Amino acid sequence: MSDEDRPSSSSSKRASLLRLKSKVKEVKQVVMSSQLPQTHYKKEVTRPTRLTGLFPNTTNPVVFSAPMLGTANGRLAAEVSKAGGFGFIPAGYNFNPESGPDHLGQLGEELKIARKVLDLEQATLTAVPVGVGFILCHESARTHFIERAIPVLQEYSPQAVWLFAPRVEDVEGGVVRGIIDVLHDNGFVVFYQVGTVKAVKEAVRDGADVVVAQGTDAGGHQFARGAGTMSFLREVVEVVKGEKERTGREVEVVGAGGVVDGRGVVAALALGVDAVVMGTRFILAEEATTPKFKQELIAKTTDGASSTFKHTVMDDIQGTTIWPKIYDGRAIVGGSVEDHLNGVPVEDNIRLFKEAAEKGETDRTITWAGSGVGLVSKIQPAGEIVKEVREEALQRIKELQTLF
């Protein structure tokens, strides 16, 4: 073979990389389509759906635990999955290796814990039945996500990746679509959290497999301009149905926002979604890393309509600067929020917040929670939460059948 006919080193490397990616994807698909050991997952007899096909360890009605930064972790996610739900681990927002918190380093440790809890430490070719959630509004998502996050995901093999809060310019500029394409190339199921119909259409267009439709009843961060869960879920289902008719793509819809028990699950399913996400309920999981005082505050809080508040000011007060103004959050009304509602200037509120923190006082701390907080009062194991919610949902469905 002449030098002219000989393939270049770079071409050979690219071909090898493409073959490796293809093999990784093939292995993941085989693993994900197989049932994990029954010692972990005792499945009730329910009709299989496309969602349970994607995640064979799950049982209908499927409950996902949200990737709440500062609350969820590898153990919590694994216990949710062991109980027939599907747990997500938060992976944070910083992908810059030079500055900021080392979220990706922490992610690797949490995925190791999830493997251990699920007895999969030795099964290195088996995808772990948990997901990973990323916040994309930090500028490092554009420059470092593929370079730094993908290798961690390849090494530890979760089944799914959840994306939330990309910057508008990264959606319009194709950055998010590029990230989703790479995730698909590596065999991951992609969840995409949305809060408006416009965002739903963008998620479907960019290749999301599952749309997480979050109504404004939700706790924590969300779209500042949105709709209540009841009306939003119904509209999202219709929009996704229309997109399927137009494009032929199958996209699942998962409902979120104010769902804290089995009755909420049934209500969401009645609106047409395929499953639900719960966040606030899992803040009270025994495995959560939430500070004890926050768990106790949530457990005793009632009347979510008046005891929670949705606004951007909570991030201003505690100095969380990464969020674009199209996002805000819902939290329990504490000292800081009370002062804001009474007209205290933000600058003074920030000073009071810092002074309280220095003294170890917690009454001005921001505690994220949804409007369903009044229905959450018990600290219990995550797996027990999943089973309790599922049993209540199935019982409520049986009760409804007697009405017709």
Protein backbone atom coordinates (compact mmCIF):
# COMPACT_ATOMS: atom_id res chain seq x y z
CA MET A 1 0.00 0.00 0.00
CA SER A 2 1.39 3.40 -0.93
CA ASP A 3 1.55 6.31 1.49
CA GLU A 4 -1.22 7.99 -0.49
CA ASP A 5 -3.50 4.98 -0.05
CA ARG A 6 -2.72 4.56 3.66
CA PRO A 7 -5.44 6.00 5.99
CA SER A 8 -4.30 8.86 8.18
CA SER A 9 -3.80 8.36 11.93
CA SER A 10 -6.57 10.84 12.74
CA SER A 11 -9.03 9.09 10.38
CA SER A 12 -8.21 5.75 11.98
CA LYS A 13 -8.74 7.17 15.44
CA ARG A 14 -12.09 8.66 14.45
CA ALA A 15 -13.22 5.34 12.97
CA SER A 16 -12.17 3.51 16.16
CA LEU A 17 -14.03 6.04 18.29
CA LEU A 18 -17.19 5.63 16.22
CA ARG A 19 -16.96 1.82 16.54
CA LEU A 20 -16.47 2.15 20.30
CA LYS A 21 -19.48 4.47 20.67
CA SER A 22 -21.59 2.08 18.59
CA LYS A 23 -20.54 -0.86 20.81
CA VAL A 24 -21.27 1.10 24.02
CA LYS A 25 -24.71 1.99 22.72
CA GLU A 26 -25.39 -1.62 21.72
CA VAL A 27 -24.37 -2.95 25.13
CA LYS A 28 -26.46 -0.36 26.98
CA GLN A 29 -29.52 -1.16 24.85
CA VAL A 30 -29.15 -4.87 25.53
CA VAL A 31 -28.74 -4.28 29.26
CA MET A 32 -31.61 -1.80 29.49
CA SER A 33 -33.98 -4.18 27.72
CA SER A 34 -33.25 -6.97 30.18
CA GLN A 35 -34.83 -7.44 33.57
CA LEU A 36 -32.59 -6.91 36.57
CA PRO A 37 -32.56 -9.52 39.36
CA GLN A 38 -35.96 -10.11 40.93
CA THR A 39 -34.37 -9.98 44.36
CA HIS A 40 -34.45 -6.19 43.92
CA TYR A 41 -37.69 -5.62 42.11
CA LYS A 42 -40.91 -7.33 43.06
CA LYS A 43 -43.24 -6.17 40.30
CA GLU A 44 -46.99 -6.08 40.62
CA VAL A 45 -48.92 -7.31 37.60
CA THR A 46 -49.69 -4.19 35.58
CA ARG A 47 -49.94 -3.69 31.84
CA PRO A 48 -46.56 -2.82 30.30
CA THR A 49 -46.16 0.58 28.68
CA ARG A 50 -43.48 2.19 26.53
CA LEU A 51 -42.10 3.82 29.69
CA THR A 52 -41.79 0.53 31.57
CA GLY A 53 -40.20 -0.85 28.43
CA LEU A 54 -37.53 1.84 28.60
CA PHE A 55 -37.03 1.14 32.32
CA PRO A 56 -37.80 -2.56 32.97
CA ASN A 57 -37.33 -2.27 36.74
CA THR A 58 -40.29 0.11 37.08
CA THR A 59 -43.85 -0.72 38.03
CA ASN A 60 -46.97 1.18 37.03
CA PRO A 61 -47.91 3.75 38.07
CA VAL A 62 -44.30 4.86 37.73
CA VAL A 63 -42.99 7.39 40.25
CA PHE A 64 -39.77 9.29 39.50
CA SER A 65 -37.86 11.11 42.23
CA ALA A 66 -36.59 14.52 41.12
CA PRO A 67 -32.84 15.33 40.93
CA MET A 68 -33.00 17.97 43.67
CA LEU A 69 -29.60 19.52 44.32
CA GLY A 70 -28.86 19.43 48.05
CA THR A 71 -31.50 16.77 48.71
CA ALA A 72 -31.29 13.80 46.34
CA ASN A 73 -28.27 11.49 46.21
CA GLY A 74 -27.17 8.08 45.06
CA ARG A 75 -28.67 6.18 47.98
CA LEU A 76 -32.06 7.90 47.74
CA ALA A 77 -32.24 7.35 43.98
CA ALA A 78 -31.27 3.69 44.30
CA GLU A 79 -33.86 3.02 47.01
CA VAL A 80 -36.55 4.59 44.81
CA SER A 81 -35.53 2.32 41.94
CA LYS A 82 -35.38 -0.75 44.18
CA ALA A 83 -39.02 -0.12 45.07
CA GLY A 84 -40.09 -0.07 41.42
CA GLY A 85 -39.84 3.66 40.88
CA PHE A 86 -36.95 5.43 39.21
CA GLY A 87 -34.59 7.75 41.06
CA PHE A 88 -32.53 10.66 39.76
CA ILE A 89 -29.24 11.94 41.17
CA PRO A 90 -28.46 15.67 40.90
CA ALA A 91 -25.31 16.49 38.95
CA GLY A 92 -25.34 20.25 39.49
CA TYR A 93 -24.57 23.00 37.04
CA ASN A 94 -20.81 23.63 36.99
CA PHE A 95 -18.82 21.91 34.23
CA ASN A 96 -15.77 24.16 34.39
CA PRO A 97 -12.73 22.26 35.68
CA GLU A 98 -10.98 25.48 36.66
CA SER A 99 -13.48 27.06 39.07
CA GLY A 100 -16.61 26.49 41.13
CA PRO A 101 -17.90 23.40 42.92
CA ASP A 102 -16.76 20.01 41.64
CA HIS A 103 -20.22 18.69 40.87
CA LEU A 104 -19.01 16.04 38.43
CA GLY A 105 -16.53 14.64 40.93
CA GLN A 106 -19.34 14.29 43.45
CA LEU A 107 -21.55 12.68 40.80
CA GLY A 108 -19.11 9.84 40.30
CA GLU A 109 -19.15 9.05 44.02
CA GLU A 110 -22.95 9.10 44.14
CA LEU A 111 -23.22 6.74 41.18
CA LYS A 112 -20.82 4.37 42.94
CA ILE A 113 -23.12 4.43 45.96
CA ALA A 114 -26.15 3.71 43.77
CA ARG A 115 -24.37 0.68 42.27
CA LYS A 116 -23.54 -0.61 45.72
CA VAL A 117 -27.09 -0.21 47.03
CA LEU A 118 -28.38 -2.07 43.97
CA ASP A 119 -25.75 -4.84 44.27
CA LEU A 120 -24.33 -3.95 40.86
CA GLU A 121 -20.74 -3.19 41.84
CA GLN A 122 -19.39 -6.18 39.94
CA ALA A 123 -21.83 -5.91 37.01
CA THR A 124 -19.84 -3.20 35.27
CA LEU A 125 -21.58 -3.71 31.90
CA THR A 126 -25.02 -3.33 33.45
CA ALA A 127 -26.52 0.14 33.22
CA VAL A 128 -27.57 1.36 36.67
CA PRO A 129 -31.37 1.87 36.91
CA VAL A 130 -31.05 5.47 38.07
CA GLY A 131 -30.80 8.77 36.21
CA VAL A 132 -28.68 11.89 36.44
CA GLY A 133 -30.03 15.46 36.35
CA PHE A 134 -28.10 18.44 34.96
CA ILE A 135 -28.86 22.17 35.17
CA LEU A 136 -27.72 23.83 31.94
CA CYS A 137 -28.02 27.57 32.64
CA HIS A 138 -24.38 27.97 33.69
CA GLU A 139 -22.18 29.27 30.88
CA SER A 140 -19.89 26.25 31.28
CA ALA A 141 -22.64 24.01 29.84
CA ARG A 142 -21.92 25.42 26.40
CA THR A 143 -18.15 25.03 26.63
CA HIS A 144 -17.52 22.02 28.88
CA PHE A 145 -20.58 19.73 29.13
CA ILE A 146 -19.66 17.28 26.40
CA GLU A 147 -15.97 17.31 27.31
CA ARG A 148 -16.46 16.72 31.05
CA ALA A 149 -19.93 15.24 31.72
CA ILE A 150 -20.04 12.59 28.99
CA PRO A 151 -16.92 10.69 30.23
CA VAL A 152 -18.42 10.46 33.73
CA LEU A 153 -21.70 9.16 32.33
CA GLN A 154 -19.85 6.65 30.15
CA GLU A 155 -17.85 5.39 33.12
CA TYR A 156 -20.75 4.91 35.53
CA SER A 157 -23.59 4.11 33.07
CA PRO A 158 -26.86 5.51 34.46
CA GLN A 159 -29.87 4.72 32.30
CA ALA A 160 -31.16 8.26 31.83
CA VAL A 161 -30.13 11.91 31.79
CA TRP A 162 -32.43 14.79 32.81
CA LEU A 163 -31.80 18.28 31.39
CA PHE A 164 -33.24 21.52 32.76
CA ALA A 165 -32.92 25.28 32.40
CA PRO A 166 -30.76 25.81 29.33
CA ARG A 167 -30.06 29.41 28.39
CA VAL A 168 -32.28 30.77 25.62
CA GLU A 169 -29.29 31.39 23.36
CA ASP A 170 -28.12 27.78 23.84
CA VAL A 171 -31.53 26.46 22.77
CA GLU A 172 -31.73 28.77 19.77
CA GLY A 173 -28.09 28.22 18.86
CA GLY A 174 -28.35 24.42 18.77
CA VAL A 175 -26.15 23.77 21.81
CA VAL A 176 -28.86 21.79 23.61
CA ARG A 177 -29.63 19.75 20.52
CA GLY A 178 -25.94 18.94 20.20
CA ILE A 179 -25.84 17.75 23.82
CA ILE A 180 -28.91 15.54 23.29
CA ASP A 181 -27.42 14.06 20.13
CA VAL A 182 -24.26 13.07 22.01
CA LEU A 183 -26.31 11.61 24.87
CA HIS A 184 -28.28 9.52 22.37
CA ASP A 185 -25.06 8.42 20.67
CA ASN A 186 -24.03 7.01 24.05
CA GLY A 187 -27.30 5.19 24.67
CA PHE A 188 -28.93 7.42 27.31
CA VAL A 189 -32.65 8.13 27.56
CA VAL A 190 -33.06 11.91 27.67
CA PHE A 191 -35.54 13.68 29.94
CA TYR A 192 -36.18 17.40 29.34
CA GLN A 193 -37.94 19.53 31.97
CA VAL A 194 -40.30 22.19 30.62
CA GLY A 195 -42.78 24.74 31.93
CA THR A 196 -44.33 26.25 28.79
CA VAL A 197 -45.76 24.92 25.55
CA LYS A 198 -42.98 26.69 23.64
CA ALA A 199 -40.42 24.78 25.67
CA VAL A 200 -42.31 21.52 25.02
CA LYS A 201 -42.03 22.02 21.28
CA GLU A 202 -38.34 22.86 21.59
CA ALA A 203 -37.74 19.72 23.66
CA VAL A 204 -39.46 17.48 21.11
CA ARG A 205 -37.70 19.20 18.22
CA ASP A 206 -34.30 18.77 19.87
CA GLY A 207 -34.83 15.04 20.45
CA ALA A 208 -36.05 14.55 24.03
CA ASP A 209 -37.37 11.06 24.77
CA VAL A 210 -39.35 12.13 27.84
CA VAL A 211 -40.84 15.55 28.52
CA VAL A 212 -41.12 16.45 32.22
CA ALA A 213 -44.08 18.83 32.29
CA GLN A 214 -43.77 20.93 35.44
CA GLY A 215 -46.72 23.01 36.61
CA THR A 216 -46.29 26.01 38.87
CA ASP A 217 -47.50 24.04 41.92
CA ALA A 218 -43.98 22.61 42.02
CA GLY A 219 -41.41 23.50 44.64
CA GLY A 220 -37.94 24.72 43.83
CA HIS A 221 -36.90 26.14 40.49
CA GLN A 222 -39.25 26.34 37.54
CA PHE A 223 -40.40 28.65 34.77
CA ALA A 224 -41.33 32.06 36.18
CA ARG A 225 -44.23 32.34 33.77
CA GLY A 226 -46.19 29.12 33.70
CA ALA A 227 -49.52 27.48 34.40
CA GLY A 228 -50.93 25.40 37.23
CA THR A 229 -50.34 21.67 37.01
CA MET A 230 -53.96 20.77 36.21
CA SER A 231 -54.24 22.83 33.02
CA PHE A 232 -50.61 22.59 31.96
CA LEU A 233 -50.37 18.80 31.94
CA ARG A 234 -53.49 18.47 29.81
CA GLU A 235 -52.20 20.96 27.25
CA VAL A 236 -48.76 19.36 27.11
CA VAL A 237 -50.30 15.95 26.41
CA GLU A 238 -52.23 17.42 23.47
CA VAL A 239 -49.18 19.24 22.12
CA VAL A 240 -47.00 16.12 22.28
CA LYS A 241 -49.76 14.13 20.59
CA GLY A 242 -49.82 16.69 17.79
CA GLU A 243 -46.03 16.59 17.46
CA LYS A 244 -46.18 12.80 17.15
CA GLU A 245 -48.72 13.06 14.35
CA ARG A 246 -46.51 15.60 12.61
CA THR A 247 -43.12 13.93 13.08
CA GLY A 248 -43.86 10.31 13.93
CA ARG A 249 -41.68 10.52 17.07
CA GLU A 250 -42.79 8.81 20.28
CA VAL A 251 -42.26 11.09 23.28
CA GLU A 252 -43.44 10.25 26.80
CA VAL A 253 -44.93 12.88 29.11
CA VAL A 254 -44.21 12.83 32.84
CA GLY A 255 -46.17 15.19 35.10
CA ALA A 256 -44.67 17.22 37.94
CA GLY A 257 -45.83 19.91 40.34
CA GLY A 258 -47.85 19.39 43.50
CA VAL A 259 -47.98 15.58 43.28
CA VAL A 260 -47.22 14.20 46.73
CA ASP A 261 -49.45 11.13 47.18
CA GLY A 262 -51.37 8.40 45.36
CA ARG A 263 -54.41 10.57 44.77
CA GLY A 264 -52.22 13.12 43.03
CA VAL A 265 -50.76 10.36 40.87
CA VAL A 266 -54.22 9.27 39.77
CA ALA A 267 -55.23 12.85 38.99
CA ALA A 268 -52.12 13.32 36.83
CA LEU A 269 -52.69 10.03 35.01
CA ALA A 270 -56.27 11.07 34.33
CA LEU A 271 -54.90 14.15 32.54
CA GLY A 272 -53.07 11.85 30.15
CA VAL A 273 -49.46 11.76 31.39
CA ASP A 274 -47.52 8.50 31.44
CA ALA A 275 -46.04 8.84 34.94
CA VAL A 276 -45.26 11.40 37.63
CA VAL A 277 -42.31 13.08 39.29
CA MET A 278 -42.32 13.85 43.00
CA GLY A 279 -39.93 16.24 44.67
CA THR A 280 -41.28 17.68 47.93
CA ARG A 281 -42.35 14.27 49.21
CA PHE A 282 -38.81 12.93 48.83
CA ILE A 283 -37.30 15.85 50.74
CA LEU A 284 -38.65 13.97 53.77
CA ALA A 285 -36.99 10.70 52.76
CA GLU A 286 -34.67 9.29 55.41
CA GLU A 287 -31.92 9.02 52.80
CA ALA A 288 -32.14 12.69 51.75
CA THR A 289 -29.21 14.99 52.46
CA THR A 290 -31.63 17.77 53.40
CA PRO A 291 -30.75 19.37 56.76
CA LYS A 292 -32.92 18.07 59.59
CA PHE A 293 -34.37 21.50 60.39
CA LYS A 294 -35.66 21.83 56.83
CA GLN A 295 -37.28 18.41 56.96
CA GLU A 296 -38.96 19.35 60.24
CA LEU A 297 -40.15 22.65 58.78
CA ILE A 298 -41.69 20.93 55.77
CA ALA A 299 -43.31 18.27 57.96
CA LYS A 300 -45.11 20.86 60.10
CA THR A 301 -46.06 23.29 57.31
CA THR A 302 -49.71 23.32 56.21
CA ASP A 303 -51.81 25.30 53.73
CA GLY A 304 -49.43 25.36 50.80
CA ALA A 305 -51.48 28.07 49.12
CA SER A 306 -50.49 30.66 51.72
CA SER A 307 -47.39 29.12 53.28
CA THR A 308 -45.37 28.95 50.04
CA PHE A 309 -44.31 31.78 47.73
CA LYS A 310 -43.08 31.74 44.12
CA HIS A 311 -40.64 34.45 43.07
CA THR A 312 -37.05 35.25 41.99
CA VAL A 313 -36.29 37.14 45.20
CA MET A 314 -35.29 34.02 47.13
CA ASP A 315 -32.32 33.51 44.82
CA ASP A 316 -31.42 37.19 45.18
CA ILE A 317 -31.45 36.89 48.96
CA GLN A 318 -29.32 33.75 49.21
CA GLY A 319 -26.98 34.78 46.40
CA THR A 320 -27.78 32.11 43.84
CA THR A 321 -26.76 33.96 40.70
CA ILE A 322 -26.79 31.27 38.00
CA TRP A 323 -30.52 31.43 37.17
CA PRO A 324 -31.73 33.52 34.20
CA LYS A 325 -34.78 35.63 34.98
CA ILE A 326 -37.10 33.32 33.03
CA TYR A 327 -36.82 30.99 36.05
CA ASP A 328 -37.93 31.47 39.64
CA GLY A 329 -38.69 29.17 42.56
CA ARG A 330 -41.32 28.24 45.12
CA ALA A 331 -40.31 28.10 48.78
CA ILE A 332 -41.84 28.09 52.24
CA VAL A 333 -42.53 31.55 53.62
CA GLY A 334 -39.88 32.21 56.29
CA GLY A 335 -38.34 35.32 57.77
CA SER A 336 -36.68 36.46 54.55
CA VAL A 337 -39.82 36.05 52.45
CA GLU A 338 -41.99 37.70 55.10
CA ASP A 339 -39.73 40.74 55.08
CA HIS A 340 -39.84 40.89 51.30
CA LEU A 341 -43.63 40.78 51.35
CA ASN A 342 -43.61 43.56 53.94
CA GLY A 343 -41.52 45.81 51.71
CA VAL A 344 -38.03 45.36 53.13
CA PRO A 345 -35.47 46.30 50.40
CA VAL A 346 -33.55 43.39 48.88
CA GLU A 347 -30.21 44.84 50.02
CA ASP A 348 -31.37 44.86 53.66
CA ASN A 349 -32.84 41.39 53.29
CA ILE A 350 -29.52 40.06 52.00
CA ARG A 351 -27.69 41.61 54.95
CA LEU A 352 -30.14 40.12 57.45
CA PHE A 353 -29.88 36.73 55.72
CA LYS A 354 -26.08 36.74 56.02
CA GLU A 355 -26.16 37.89 59.65
CA ALA A 356 -28.57 35.09 60.57
CA ALA A 357 -26.40 32.52 58.78
CA GLU A 358 -23.28 33.69 60.65
CA LYS A 359 -25.13 33.22 63.95
CA GLY A 360 -26.34 29.76 62.96
CA GLU A 361 -29.96 30.87 62.90
CA THR A 362 -32.23 29.09 60.43
CA ASP A 363 -35.42 31.16 60.44
CA ARG A 364 -34.31 33.17 57.39
CA THR A 365 -33.07 30.16 55.39
CA ILE A 366 -34.74 29.47 52.04
CA THR A 367 -36.52 26.11 52.07
CA TRP A 368 -37.82 25.04 48.68
CA ALA A 369 -41.16 23.19 48.69
CA GLY A 370 -44.21 22.79 46.49
CA SER A 371 -47.79 23.82 47.14
CA GLY A 372 -48.60 20.26 48.20
CA VAL A 373 -46.44 20.68 51.29
CA GLY A 374 -49.51 20.59 53.55
CA LEU A 375 -49.99 16.93 52.57
CA VAL A 376 -46.44 15.94 53.51
CA SER A 377 -45.82 15.31 57.19
CA LYS A 378 -43.87 12.10 57.68
CA ILE A 379 -40.17 11.29 57.42
CA GLN A 380 -39.81 7.76 56.04
CA PRO A 381 -37.57 5.61 53.81
CA ALA A 382 -37.62 6.49 50.11
CA GLY A 383 -38.62 2.99 49.06
CA GLU A 384 -41.50 3.05 51.51
CA ILE A 385 -42.69 6.34 49.99
CA VAL A 386 -42.76 4.79 46.51
CA LYS A 387 -44.69 1.72 47.66
CA GLU A 388 -47.13 3.73 49.74
CA VAL A 389 -47.88 6.13 46.90
CA ARG A 390 -48.32 3.30 44.39
CA GLU A 391 -50.64 1.34 46.68
CA GLU A 392 -52.73 4.43 47.39
CA ALA A 393 -52.98 5.17 43.68
CA LEU A 394 -54.08 1.65 42.80
CA GLN A 395 -56.62 1.67 45.63
CA ARG A 396 -58.03 5.00 44.47
CA ILE A 397 -58.34 3.69 40.90
CA LYS A 398 -60.33 0.70 42.20
CA GLU A 399 -62.60 3.03 44.18
CA LEU A 400 -63.24 5.17 41.11
CA GLN A 401 -64.22 2.12 39.10
CA THR A 402 -67.21 1.61 41.40
CA LEU A 403 -68.65 4.95 40.30
CA PHE A 404 -69.26 3.78 36.73
